[in-house]
């Protein structure tokens, strides 16, 4: 397996690697949860309200994700001397996330941070928030919180007390930062991310789904490729499950694993599994009906190394979950694999797509030879009575290749030091020209992930002069980039270290031609200021 259990560094977006899977064994009754807060928090936080419905200062005025609450509790432990047993900490995270969490709609657009998909360049952030908050935090960091306006103002004051040099940083020393943050930014945050919202009220009133049962799963693991399998969730307590996962990768290799999962806020799935001897994490969100989970699975020790994952509940019906690959070139015979459950009935791959031969078939998986004719575009495929349709894209010519992540940061490490290397995993996405016939426009037709040959080259003339492509690291055949060793390198000019700037190149075959795409890579120094929160 081309994965390792290297210790990871901090997420470049500002949220530490937080393990919240399998956190609580038994649910807390309301009075028990309140008493837990009283026993551990009222030394600093004051209580008001009634005994049955108490309010705790600086606690009751906030709502956060499970990771957000864990960060808060860890900060109280590291900076305020809070002493909690592991069991009590886990219980607090569970009850706070359940009762003061975020509605599904409130996490939309920001789930990359929860899923630890760290090599993301955010865009479209309000300029004022960028200058006041975004120079230290990702937008997702503050957008995944809900506070009253007063509580946002308290947060400004906390920053001034905890980080008094804030006013002297870039984008703050040239303006009255505190006055802007307190009188303008906090007010705007209170309006955009309020404590009380219709979405949260509706979610609190909604029925909760139990996620126990059997799930058809598909996903991707860097170094191994796409996989399909079955995941079983056996309920052990309210919101807690024992999980097993079995399946196969696209090349036929088997995978198997087991672990534990916790369900927070009625839809936030967090699981920790050991798959083929490697510890993995799952961060997924359930849909409103509790019939599907979508998210990401990644190495527990290296959150940068992971891929998308989807699970569809087995309800005894015919369901087509995925097609691998999800594209085919017009006029060519292509082998496709249909992944699903209870796959009975006729196969319909859409207009102009003919099934030439069924190579193998069972209730979970169909492998066939298909050929497409007609115009480029997306076809909707189905098997039998399946209500779940899967997209299959027909194209004529591969016009361009996008390398993901577009921009990535890796970090040198190892070489006997305490800080291991931070790697990155790349994938190539293919596009054909859309209706306008011009590549690189909004009309381009996305084909999906495509197999590629990988290489690196210097980012520019300076990087070429410094031979960054020789010293900064290497990329393997599966698209995993490993940076160079930490420390001085006597082979480099002035014995410099192995940092550098690179282009990551993906070359994808299209018939007899090859199409290339490029991504940006910054190989940086170790993250010396990272504080481990888990």
Protein backbone atom coordinates (compact mmCIF):
# COMPACT_ATOMS: atom_id res chain seq x y z
CA UNK A 1 0.00 0.00 0.00
CA UNK A 2 1.50 3.32 -1.08
CA UNK A 3 0.42 5.03 2.13
CA UNK A 4 2.29 5.62 5.34
CA UNK A 5 1.50 6.63 8.87
CA UNK A 6 3.64 9.77 8.88
CA UNK A 7 2.57 12.36 11.42
CA UNK A 8 0.88 15.26 9.65
CA UNK A 9 1.38 18.98 10.02
CA UNK A 10 -1.25 21.65 10.51
CA UNK A 11 -3.88 22.31 7.90
CA UNK A 12 -2.88 25.28 5.79
CA UNK A 13 -6.36 26.66 6.38
CA UNK A 14 -5.84 27.00 10.11
CA UNK A 15 -7.70 24.05 11.67
CA UNK A 16 -5.58 21.41 13.38
CA UNK A 17 -5.96 17.70 12.73
CA UNK A 18 -8.71 16.92 15.17
CA UNK A 19 -9.80 13.36 15.85
CA UNK A 20 -13.43 13.33 16.98
CA UNK A 21 -14.50 9.89 15.78
CA UNK A 22 -15.99 7.55 18.34
CA UNK A 23 -15.98 10.09 21.12
CA UNK A 24 -18.79 9.09 23.46
CA UNK A 25 -20.05 5.74 24.59
CA UNK A 26 -23.35 6.71 26.19
CA UNK A 27 -25.71 9.67 25.65
CA UNK A 28 -25.99 12.27 28.39
CA UNK A 29 -29.33 13.30 29.77
CA UNK A 30 -29.93 17.05 29.90
CA UNK A 31 -29.39 17.29 33.64
CA UNK A 32 -26.19 15.24 33.38
CA UNK A 33 -24.83 17.48 30.64
CA UNK A 34 -25.63 20.60 32.61
CA UNK A 35 -23.98 19.16 35.69
CA UNK A 36 -20.88 18.28 33.69
CA UNK A 37 -20.58 21.94 32.68
CA UNK A 38 -21.23 23.07 36.25
CA UNK A 39 -18.54 20.73 37.60
CA UNK A 40 -15.89 21.82 35.14
CA UNK A 41 -16.67 25.27 33.75
CA UNK A 42 -18.43 27.54 36.26
CA UNK A 43 -15.17 28.44 37.91
CA UNK A 44 -14.81 30.90 35.02
CA UNK A 45 -18.22 30.84 33.31
CA UNK A 46 -21.30 32.07 35.15
CA UNK A 47 -24.64 30.30 35.22
CA UNK A 48 -28.03 31.95 34.85
CA UNK A 49 -31.53 30.91 33.86
CA UNK A 50 -33.40 28.07 35.54
CA UNK A 51 -32.10 24.81 36.92
CA UNK A 52 -33.91 22.89 34.17
CA UNK A 53 -32.83 25.28 31.42
CA UNK A 54 -29.61 26.96 32.52
CA UNK A 55 -27.49 29.35 30.47
CA UNK A 56 -23.72 29.48 30.75
CA UNK A 57 -21.83 32.63 29.82
CA UNK A 58 -19.57 32.41 26.76
CA UNK A 59 -20.89 28.86 26.16
CA UNK A 60 -24.61 29.16 25.54
CA UNK A 61 -24.09 32.09 23.13
CA UNK A 62 -22.16 29.96 20.60
CA UNK A 63 -22.79 27.16 18.12
CA UNK A 64 -20.00 25.19 16.43
CA UNK A 65 -19.05 22.03 14.59
CA UNK A 66 -17.74 19.05 16.63
CA UNK A 67 -14.20 20.08 15.67
CA UNK A 68 -14.92 23.65 16.77
CA UNK A 69 -16.09 22.55 20.22
CA UNK A 70 -13.10 20.25 20.62
CA UNK A 71 -10.76 23.12 19.78
CA UNK A 72 -12.47 25.27 22.41
CA UNK A 73 -12.19 22.60 25.08
CA UNK A 74 -8.56 21.93 24.20
CA UNK A 75 -7.81 25.63 24.41
CA UNK A 76 -9.33 25.70 27.90
CA UNK A 77 -7.10 22.75 28.80
CA UNK A 78 -3.86 24.16 27.36
CA UNK A 79 -4.28 27.81 28.28
CA UNK A 80 -6.70 27.93 31.23
CA UNK A 81 -5.75 24.88 33.26
CA UNK A 82 -9.00 22.97 32.73
CA UNK A 83 -8.65 19.36 33.84
CA UNK A 84 -10.99 16.86 32.21
CA UNK A 85 -10.97 13.12 31.94
CA UNK A 86 -10.95 11.81 28.39
CA UNK A 87 -14.46 10.47 28.93
CA UNK A 88 -15.79 13.83 30.14
CA UNK A 89 -14.12 15.67 27.25
CA UNK A 90 -15.70 13.32 24.77
CA UNK A 91 -19.07 13.63 26.43
CA UNK A 92 -18.88 17.43 26.34
CA UNK A 93 -17.99 17.53 22.65
CA UNK A 94 -20.90 15.23 21.88
CA UNK A 95 -23.52 17.10 23.86
CA UNK A 96 -22.38 20.56 22.73
CA UNK A 97 -22.25 19.56 19.06
CA UNK A 98 -25.68 17.94 19.32
CA UNK A 99 -27.36 20.84 21.11
CA UNK A 100 -25.32 23.80 19.91
CA UNK A 101 -24.11 22.67 16.53
CA UNK A 102 -24.67 23.80 12.96
CA UNK A 103 -27.52 22.94 10.62
CA UNK A 104 -26.55 21.21 7.35
CA UNK A 105 -27.25 24.38 5.37
CA UNK A 106 -24.91 26.32 7.65
CA UNK A 107 -21.93 24.15 6.72
CA UNK A 108 -22.52 24.30 2.95
CA UNK A 109 -19.60 25.80 1.07
CA UNK A 110 -17.22 25.30 3.98
CA UNK A 111 -17.07 21.54 4.42
CA UNK A 112 -13.55 21.39 2.98
CA UNK A 113 -12.26 22.51 6.36
CA UNK A 114 -14.23 19.89 8.27
CA UNK A 115 -13.03 17.27 5.78
CA UNK A 116 -9.42 18.42 6.23
CA UNK A 117 -9.06 19.13 2.51
CA UNK A 118 -6.40 21.69 3.21
CA UNK A 119 -4.94 22.67 -0.17
CA UNK A 120 -7.77 25.01 -1.10
CA UNK A 121 -7.51 28.62 -2.23
CA UNK A 122 -10.57 30.47 -0.96
CA UNK A 123 -12.17 33.14 -3.11
CA UNK A 124 -15.00 35.61 -2.86
CA UNK A 125 -14.36 36.55 0.75
CA UNK A 126 -15.68 39.94 1.82
CA UNK A 127 -12.78 42.41 1.71
CA UNK A 128 -13.41 43.70 5.21
CA UNK A 129 -13.42 40.19 6.66
CA UNK A 130 -10.30 39.35 4.67
CA UNK A 131 -8.41 42.31 6.11
CA UNK A 132 -9.66 41.83 9.66
CA UNK A 133 -9.93 38.04 10.03
CA UNK A 134 -8.71 36.36 6.85
CA UNK A 135 -5.07 37.36 7.21
CA UNK A 136 -4.77 34.81 10.04
CA UNK A 137 -7.75 32.50 9.52
CA UNK A 138 -9.50 30.86 6.61
CA UNK A 139 -13.01 32.10 5.93
CA UNK A 140 -14.25 28.63 6.82
CA UNK A 141 -12.77 29.01 10.31
CA UNK A 142 -15.13 31.80 11.30
CA UNK A 143 -17.98 30.80 8.96
CA UNK A 144 -18.32 27.47 10.79
CA UNK A 145 -19.27 29.28 14.00
CA UNK A 146 -22.45 31.01 15.09
CA UNK A 147 -22.47 33.64 17.83
CA UNK A 148 -24.54 36.48 19.13
CA UNK A 149 -23.29 39.95 18.22
CA UNK A 150 -22.07 40.47 21.78
CA UNK A 151 -20.21 37.17 21.62
CA UNK A 152 -18.48 38.19 18.37
CA UNK A 153 -17.40 41.38 20.16
CA UNK A 154 -16.11 39.33 23.08
CA UNK A 155 -14.09 37.36 20.54
CA UNK A 156 -12.47 40.58 19.31
CA UNK A 157 -11.54 41.44 22.89
CA UNK A 158 -10.19 37.92 23.39
CA UNK A 159 -7.87 38.41 20.44
CA UNK A 160 -6.60 41.66 21.87
CA UNK A 161 -5.96 40.05 25.25
CA UNK A 162 -4.50 36.81 23.98
CA UNK A 163 -2.61 38.25 20.99
CA UNK A 164 -1.80 41.88 21.86
CA UNK A 165 0.44 42.28 18.82
CA UNK A 166 -2.57 41.82 16.50
CA UNK A 167 -2.82 45.56 15.90
CA UNK A 168 0.75 45.65 14.59
CA UNK A 169 0.35 42.97 11.93
CA UNK A 170 0.05 43.65 8.22
CA UNK A 171 -3.38 45.08 7.29
CA UNK A 172 -3.94 46.34 10.82
CA UNK A 173 -1.15 48.73 11.80
CA UNK A 174 -2.18 51.16 9.04
CA UNK A 175 -5.71 51.57 10.44
CA UNK A 176 -7.56 51.65 13.78
CA UNK A 177 -7.87 47.85 13.80
CA UNK A 178 -9.58 47.39 17.15
CA UNK A 179 -12.24 50.02 16.48
CA UNK A 180 -12.97 48.51 13.05
CA UNK A 181 -13.04 44.96 14.39
CA UNK A 182 -15.23 45.78 17.39
CA UNK A 183 -17.65 48.29 15.84
CA UNK A 184 -17.89 47.01 12.27
CA UNK A 185 -16.57 43.49 11.79
CA UNK A 186 -18.23 41.99 14.86
CA UNK A 187 -21.55 43.53 13.83
CA UNK A 188 -21.24 42.10 10.32
CA UNK A 189 -20.30 38.67 11.68
CA UNK A 190 -23.30 38.80 13.98
CA UNK A 191 -25.54 39.43 10.97
CA UNK A 192 -23.96 36.89 8.63
CA UNK A 193 -23.37 34.15 11.21
CA UNK A 194 -25.98 34.73 13.94
CA UNK A 195 -26.60 32.59 16.99
CA UNK A 196 -30.27 32.13 16.10
CA UNK A 197 -31.23 31.12 12.58
CA UNK A 198 -34.18 29.62 10.74
CA UNK A 199 -31.95 26.81 9.49
CA UNK A 200 -30.98 25.78 13.00
CA UNK A 201 -34.53 26.02 14.33
CA UNK A 202 -35.79 23.84 11.48
CA UNK A 203 -33.02 21.31 11.99
CA UNK A 204 -33.68 21.07 15.73
CA UNK A 205 -37.33 20.32 14.98
CA UNK A 206 -36.55 17.72 12.30
CA UNK A 207 -36.70 14.00 12.98
CA UNK A 208 -33.31 12.36 13.50
CA UNK A 209 -32.24 9.42 11.35
CA UNK A 210 -30.40 6.42 12.73
CA UNK A 211 -27.51 5.51 10.44
CA UNK A 212 -27.21 1.87 11.49
CA UNK A 213 -27.36 -0.58 8.61
CA UNK A 214 -25.57 -1.59 5.43
CA UNK A 215 -24.12 0.98 3.02
CA UNK A 216 -22.77 0.72 -0.52
CA UNK A 217 -19.59 2.82 -0.59
CA UNK A 218 -17.38 4.23 -3.34
CA UNK A 219 -14.30 6.38 -2.98
CA UNK A 220 -10.67 7.03 -3.77
CA UNK A 221 -7.47 6.37 -1.86
CA UNK A 222 -4.25 8.02 -3.17
CA UNK A 223 -1.72 5.40 -4.11
CA UNK A 224 -4.41 2.72 -4.44
CA UNK A 225 -7.08 4.25 -6.66
CA UNK A 226 -10.86 4.07 -6.79
CA UNK A 227 -12.64 1.49 -4.68
CA UNK A 228 -16.12 0.10 -4.12
CA UNK A 229 -17.37 -1.93 -1.19
CA UNK A 230 -19.80 -2.37 1.65
CA UNK A 231 -19.80 -0.58 4.99
CA UNK A 232 -21.82 -1.87 7.93
CA UNK A 233 -22.70 0.28 10.93
CA UNK A 234 -23.81 -1.59 14.06
CA UNK A 235 -25.30 0.66 16.73
CA UNK A 236 -23.68 0.35 20.15
CA UNK A 237 -25.19 3.41 21.83
CA UNK A 238 -27.08 6.54 20.83
CA UNK A 239 -25.05 8.13 18.03
CA UNK A 240 -22.27 5.55 18.24
CA UNK A 241 -21.47 2.67 15.88
CA UNK A 242 -19.06 -0.17 15.28
CA UNK A 243 -18.05 -0.01 11.63
CA UNK A 244 -16.71 -2.62 9.21
CA UNK A 245 -15.64 -1.95 5.62
CA UNK A 246 -14.90 -4.51 2.91
CA UNK A 247 -14.43 -4.07 -0.81
CA UNK A 248 -12.06 -3.98 -3.75
CA UNK A 249 -10.02 -1.40 -5.56
CA UNK A 250 -10.42 -0.93 -9.30
CA UNK A 251 -7.37 -3.13 -9.94
CA UNK A 252 -8.99 -6.01 -8.05
CA UNK A 253 -6.98 -5.71 -4.82
CA UNK A 254 -9.04 -6.30 -1.70
CA UNK A 255 -9.52 -3.85 1.16
CA UNK A 256 -10.88 -4.52 4.61
CA UNK A 257 -11.09 -2.57 7.82
CA UNK A 258 -13.00 -1.86 10.98
CA UNK A 259 -13.37 0.88 13.54
CA UNK A 260 -15.84 3.13 15.33
CA UNK A 261 -17.98 6.10 14.36
CA UNK A 262 -19.91 8.82 16.13
CA UNK A 263 -22.84 10.77 14.73
CA UNK A 264 -22.96 14.41 15.84
CA UNK A 265 -25.80 16.90 15.41
CA UNK A 266 -27.90 14.21 13.73
CA UNK A 267 -25.91 14.21 10.47
CA UNK A 268 -22.17 14.74 11.07
CA UNK A 269 -20.46 11.35 10.65
CA UNK A 270 -16.97 10.98 12.12
CA UNK A 271 -15.26 7.59 11.98
CA UNK A 272 -11.85 6.18 12.70
CA UNK A 273 -10.97 2.90 10.98
CA UNK A 274 -7.92 0.77 10.47
CA UNK A 275 -7.93 -0.36 6.83
CA UNK A 276 -5.32 -2.93 5.84
CA UNK A 277 -3.19 -1.87 8.80
CA UNK A 278 -3.43 1.88 8.06
CA UNK A 279 -5.40 4.23 10.31
CA UNK A 280 -7.94 6.26 8.35
CA UNK A 281 -10.55 8.90 9.18
CA UNK A 282 -13.93 9.51 7.62
CA UNK A 283 -15.66 12.90 7.73
CA UNK A 284 -19.05 12.76 6.03
CA UNK A 285 -22.45 14.39 6.18
CA UNK A 286 -25.75 12.53 5.94
CA UNK A 287 -28.52 13.85 3.74
CA UNK A 288 -31.84 14.87 5.29
CA UNK A 289 -33.40 11.45 4.66
CA UNK A 290 -30.45 9.58 6.13
CA UNK A 291 -30.06 7.56 2.92
CA UNK A 292 -26.67 8.86 1.74
CA UNK A 293 -23.38 10.05 3.21
CA UNK A 294 -20.95 12.29 1.35
CA UNK A 295 -17.52 13.46 2.39
CA UNK A 296 -13.88 12.45 2.50
CA UNK A 297 -11.67 9.65 3.85
CA UNK A 298 -8.00 10.36 4.59
CA UNK A 299 -4.98 9.10 6.48
CA UNK A 300 -5.32 9.74 10.21
CA UNK A 301 -1.67 10.77 10.33
CA UNK A 302 -1.67 12.71 7.05
CA UNK A 303 -4.93 14.44 6.30
CA UNK A 304 -3.47 15.75 3.02
CA UNK A 305 -3.55 12.18 1.65
CA UNK A 306 -7.18 11.29 1.02
CA UNK A 307 -10.07 11.38 -1.39
CA UNK A 308 -13.82 11.71 -1.82
CA UNK A 309 -16.12 9.05 -0.40
CA UNK A 310 -19.82 8.35 -0.81
CA UNK A 311 -22.11 5.86 0.95
CA UNK A 312 -25.67 4.93 -0.07
CA UNK A 313 -27.87 3.00 2.34
CA UNK A 314 -29.06 -0.43 1.24
CA UNK A 315 -32.85 -0.27 1.38
CA UNK A 316 -33.44 -3.44 -0.57
CA UNK A 317 -34.07 -1.51 -3.78
CA UNK A 318 -32.21 -1.36 -7.06
CA UNK A 319 -29.79 1.54 -6.85
CA UNK A 320 -27.03 2.58 -9.26
CA UNK A 321 -24.44 4.38 -7.11
CA UNK A 322 -21.54 5.11 -9.48
CA UNK A 323 -19.99 4.41 -12.87
CA UNK A 324 -16.21 3.93 -13.09
CA UNK A 325 -14.96 5.63 -15.22
CA UNK A 326 -17.79 8.13 -15.64
CA UNK A 327 -16.86 9.09 -19.21
CA UNK A 328 -16.31 7.50 -22.62
CA UNK A 329 -14.93 8.76 -25.91
CA UNK A 330 -17.41 8.76 -28.78
CA UNK A 331 -16.72 6.05 -31.34
CA UNK A 332 -14.53 3.95 -29.04
CA UNK A 333 -15.39 0.77 -27.14
CA UNK A 334 -14.80 1.40 -23.45
CA UNK A 335 -14.96 -0.90 -20.42
CA UNK A 336 -17.23 0.52 -17.72
CA UNK A 337 -18.05 -0.75 -14.24
CA UNK A 338 -21.47 -0.03 -12.77
CA UNK A 339 -21.46 0.02 -8.96
CA UNK A 340 -24.66 -0.34 -6.97
CA UNK A 341 -26.91 -2.59 -4.99
CA UNK A 342 -29.60 -5.08 -6.02
CA UNK A 343 -28.73 -4.41 -9.66
CA UNK A 344 -31.53 -6.22 -11.46
CA UNK A 345 -33.16 -5.33 -14.76
CA UNK A 346 -32.21 -3.76 -18.04
CA UNK A 347 -29.16 -1.51 -18.40
CA UNK A 348 -29.83 1.92 -19.92
CA UNK A 349 -26.74 4.12 -20.41
CA UNK A 350 -28.56 6.98 -22.15
CA UNK A 351 -29.10 8.16 -25.71
CA UNK A 352 -26.58 6.87 -28.21
CA UNK A 353 -24.72 4.65 -25.74
CA UNK A 354 -24.88 0.96 -26.64
CA UNK A 355 -23.96 -1.93 -24.39
CA UNK A 356 -21.82 -4.10 -26.68
CA UNK A 357 -21.11 -6.87 -24.20
CA UNK A 358 -21.68 -7.64 -20.53
CA UNK A 359 -18.38 -9.00 -19.21
CA UNK A 360 -19.56 -9.87 -15.68
CA UNK A 361 -22.60 -9.21 -13.57
CA UNK A 362 -23.87 -9.70 -10.05
CA UNK A 363 -26.22 -7.83 -7.70
CA UNK A 364 -23.52 -5.32 -6.69
CA UNK A 365 -21.41 -4.81 -9.78
CA UNK A 366 -21.72 -4.93 -13.56
CA UNK A 367 -18.72 -4.77 -15.89
CA UNK A 368 -19.48 -4.18 -19.55
CA UNK A 369 -18.18 -2.95 -22.87
CA UNK A 370 -19.96 0.17 -24.16
CA UNK A 371 -19.76 2.35 -27.23
CA UNK A 372 -21.15 5.87 -27.63
CA UNK A 373 -22.27 7.78 -30.69
CA UNK A 374 -23.84 11.18 -31.13
CA UNK A 375 -23.26 14.59 -29.65
CA UNK A 376 -21.08 15.35 -26.67
CA UNK A 377 -22.92 15.67 -23.40
CA UNK A 378 -24.05 14.06 -20.19
CA UNK A 379 -26.21 10.94 -20.30
CA UNK A 380 -28.15 9.72 -17.29
CA UNK A 381 -27.73 5.98 -16.78
CA UNK A 382 -29.96 3.59 -14.86
CA UNK A 383 -30.36 -0.10 -14.15
CA UNK A 384 -33.83 -1.58 -13.94
CA UNK A 385 -36.10 0.38 -11.61
CA UNK A 386 -33.29 2.41 -10.03
CA UNK A 387 -34.40 5.90 -9.07
CA UNK A 388 -30.79 6.85 -8.48
CA UNK A 389 -29.35 7.99 -11.83
CA UNK A 390 -25.63 8.22 -12.51
CA UNK A 391 -24.05 10.65 -14.95
CA UNK A 392 -22.06 9.28 -17.87
CA UNK A 393 -20.31 11.89 -20.04
CA UNK A 394 -19.72 11.33 -23.77
CA UNK A 395 -16.96 13.39 -25.41
CA UNK A 396 -15.15 13.65 -28.72
CA UNK A 397 -11.76 15.16 -27.84
CA UNK A 398 -9.95 15.86 -24.59
CA UNK A 399 -9.39 19.61 -24.72
CA UNK A 400 -7.61 20.33 -21.45
CA UNK A 401 -6.52 18.80 -18.16
CA UNK A 402 -6.90 20.42 -14.75
CA UNK A 403 -4.53 19.38 -11.99
CA UNK A 404 -6.01 19.25 -8.48
CA UNK A 405 -5.09 20.72 -6.13
CA UNK A 406 -4.38 23.75 -8.29
CA UNK A 407 -2.11 25.15 -5.59
CA UNK A 408 -0.56 23.07 -2.82
CA UNK A 409 1.87 23.47 0.05
CA UNK A 410 4.13 20.64 1.15
CA UNK A 411 6.84 20.75 3.79
CA UNK A 412 10.31 19.28 4.05
CA UNK A 413 10.97 17.12 7.10
CA UNK A 414 12.33 13.84 8.33
CA UNK A 415 16.10 13.32 8.16
CA UNK A 416 16.13 12.25 11.79
CA UNK A 417 14.15 15.25 13.04
CA UNK A 418 10.90 15.27 14.98
CA UNK A 419 8.87 16.84 12.19
CA UNK A 420 7.99 14.46 9.34
CA UNK A 421 7.42 15.48 5.75
CA UNK A 422 4.05 16.85 4.63
CA UNK A 423 3.08 15.34 1.30
CA UNK A 424 0.38 16.13 -1.26
CA UNK A 425 -1.81 13.92 -3.46
CA UNK A 426 -2.70 15.01 -6.98
CA UNK A 427 -5.44 14.00 -9.43
CA UNK A 428 -6.12 14.98 -13.03
CA UNK A 429 -9.54 16.14 -14.25
CA UNK A 430 -10.32 16.08 -17.95
CA UNK A 431 -12.47 18.54 -19.92
CA UNK A 432 -13.74 18.70 -23.47
CA UNK A 433 -14.81 21.90 -25.17
CA UNK A 434 -18.42 22.82 -24.57
CA UNK A 435 -21.02 24.36 -26.81
CA UNK A 436 -18.86 27.40 -27.59
CA UNK A 437 -16.02 25.24 -28.94
CA UNK A 438 -13.43 27.12 -26.87
CA UNK A 439 -11.40 25.40 -24.13
CA UNK A 440 -11.02 27.11 -20.79
CA UNK A 441 -14.50 28.65 -20.60
CA UNK A 442 -17.54 28.03 -18.43
CA UNK A 443 -19.02 25.89 -21.22
CA UNK A 444 -16.28 23.26 -20.93
CA UNK A 445 -17.66 19.78 -20.30
CA UNK A 446 -16.18 18.16 -17.18
CA UNK A 447 -15.36 14.52 -17.83
CA UNK A 448 -14.11 13.54 -14.40
CA UNK A 449 -10.91 12.16 -12.92
CA UNK A 450 -8.64 10.54 -15.50
CA UNK A 451 -5.48 8.38 -15.20
CA UNK A 452 -2.33 10.43 -15.79
CA UNK A 453 1.45 10.24 -15.97
CA UNK A 454 3.05 12.58 -13.43
CA UNK A 455 6.20 14.70 -13.43
CA UNK A 456 7.57 17.89 -11.91
CA UNK A 457 9.50 20.83 -13.32
CA UNK A 458 10.80 24.18 -12.00
CA UNK A 459 8.12 26.82 -11.52
CA UNK A 460 10.15 29.55 -13.27
CA UNK A 461 13.67 30.62 -14.26
CA UNK A 462 14.75 31.25 -10.69
CA UNK A 463 13.53 27.80 -9.61
CA UNK A 464 15.31 26.28 -12.61
CA UNK A 465 18.54 28.06 -11.70
CA UNK A 466 18.27 26.73 -8.13
CA UNK A 467 17.48 23.22 -9.46
CA UNK A 468 14.35 22.99 -7.33
CA UNK A 469 13.10 20.05 -9.39
CA UNK A 470 16.19 18.11 -8.37
CA UNK A 471 16.23 18.86 -4.66
CA UNK A 472 12.75 19.86 -3.49
CA UNK A 473 11.11 16.47 -3.88
CA UNK A 474 9.67 13.89 -6.23
CA UNK A 475 6.30 12.62 -7.45
CA UNK A 476 5.39 8.98 -7.92
CA UNK A 477 3.31 7.26 -10.59
CA UNK A 478 0.11 7.65 -8.57
CA UNK A 479 0.45 11.44 -8.15
CA UNK A 480 1.72 11.54 -4.56
CA UNK A 481 4.40 14.20 -4.08
CA UNK A 482 7.01 13.68 -1.36
CA UNK A 483 9.18 16.70 -0.43
CA UNK A 484 12.90 16.56 0.26
CA UNK A 485 14.69 16.07 3.55
CA UNK A 486 14.90 18.77 6.19
CA UNK A 487 18.18 20.41 7.07
CA UNK A 488 21.05 21.87 5.11
CA UNK A 489 21.97 20.34 1.77
CA UNK A 490 25.69 20.71 0.94
CA UNK A 491 24.93 20.05 -2.74
CA UNK A 492 22.91 23.26 -2.99
CA UNK A 493 24.28 26.75 -3.31
CA UNK A 494 25.26 28.10 0.12
CA UNK A 495 24.17 24.69 1.54
CA UNK A 496 20.57 25.83 1.41
CA UNK A 497 17.72 23.58 2.51
CA UNK A 498 15.46 21.67 0.12
CA UNK A 499 12.58 24.12 -0.23
CA UNK A 500 11.52 25.14 -3.71
CA UNK A 501 8.79 26.11 -6.17
CA UNK A 502 7.59 23.57 -8.71
CA UNK A 503 5.04 22.84 -11.38
CA UNK A 504 3.28 19.48 -11.11
CA UNK A 505 2.52 18.17 -14.59
CA UNK A 506 -0.19 15.62 -15.47
CA UNK A 507 -0.12 14.03 -18.93
CA UNK A 508 -3.34 12.27 -20.00
CA UNK A 509 -3.69 10.06 -23.06
CA UNK A 510 -6.44 10.88 -25.57
CA UNK A 511 -6.29 8.40 -28.39
CA UNK A 512 -2.88 8.82 -30.00
CA UNK A 513 -2.38 12.27 -28.47
CA UNK A 514 -1.50 13.43 -24.97
CA UNK A 515 -2.87 16.48 -23.15
CA UNK A 516 -1.03 18.11 -20.27
CA UNK A 517 -2.09 20.20 -17.32
CA UNK A 518 -0.14 21.91 -14.55
CA UNK A 519 -0.56 22.63 -10.86
CA UNK A 520 1.51 24.81 -8.54
CA UNK A 521 3.60 23.41 -5.71
CA UNK A 522 5.31 25.30 -2.90
CA UNK A 523 7.75 23.13 -0.95
CA UNK A 524 8.13 25.00 2.32
CA UNK A 525 9.92 24.63 5.65
CA UNK A 526 8.48 22.76 8.62
CA UNK A 527 5.55 24.29 10.45
CA UNK A 528 7.49 25.12 13.58
CA UNK A 529 4.63 26.95 15.31
CA UNK A 530 2.06 24.20 14.98
CA UNK A 531 0.42 23.19 18.26
CA UNK A 532 -1.13 19.74 18.24
CA UNK A 533 -4.73 19.89 19.48
CA UNK A 534 -5.66 16.24 19.64
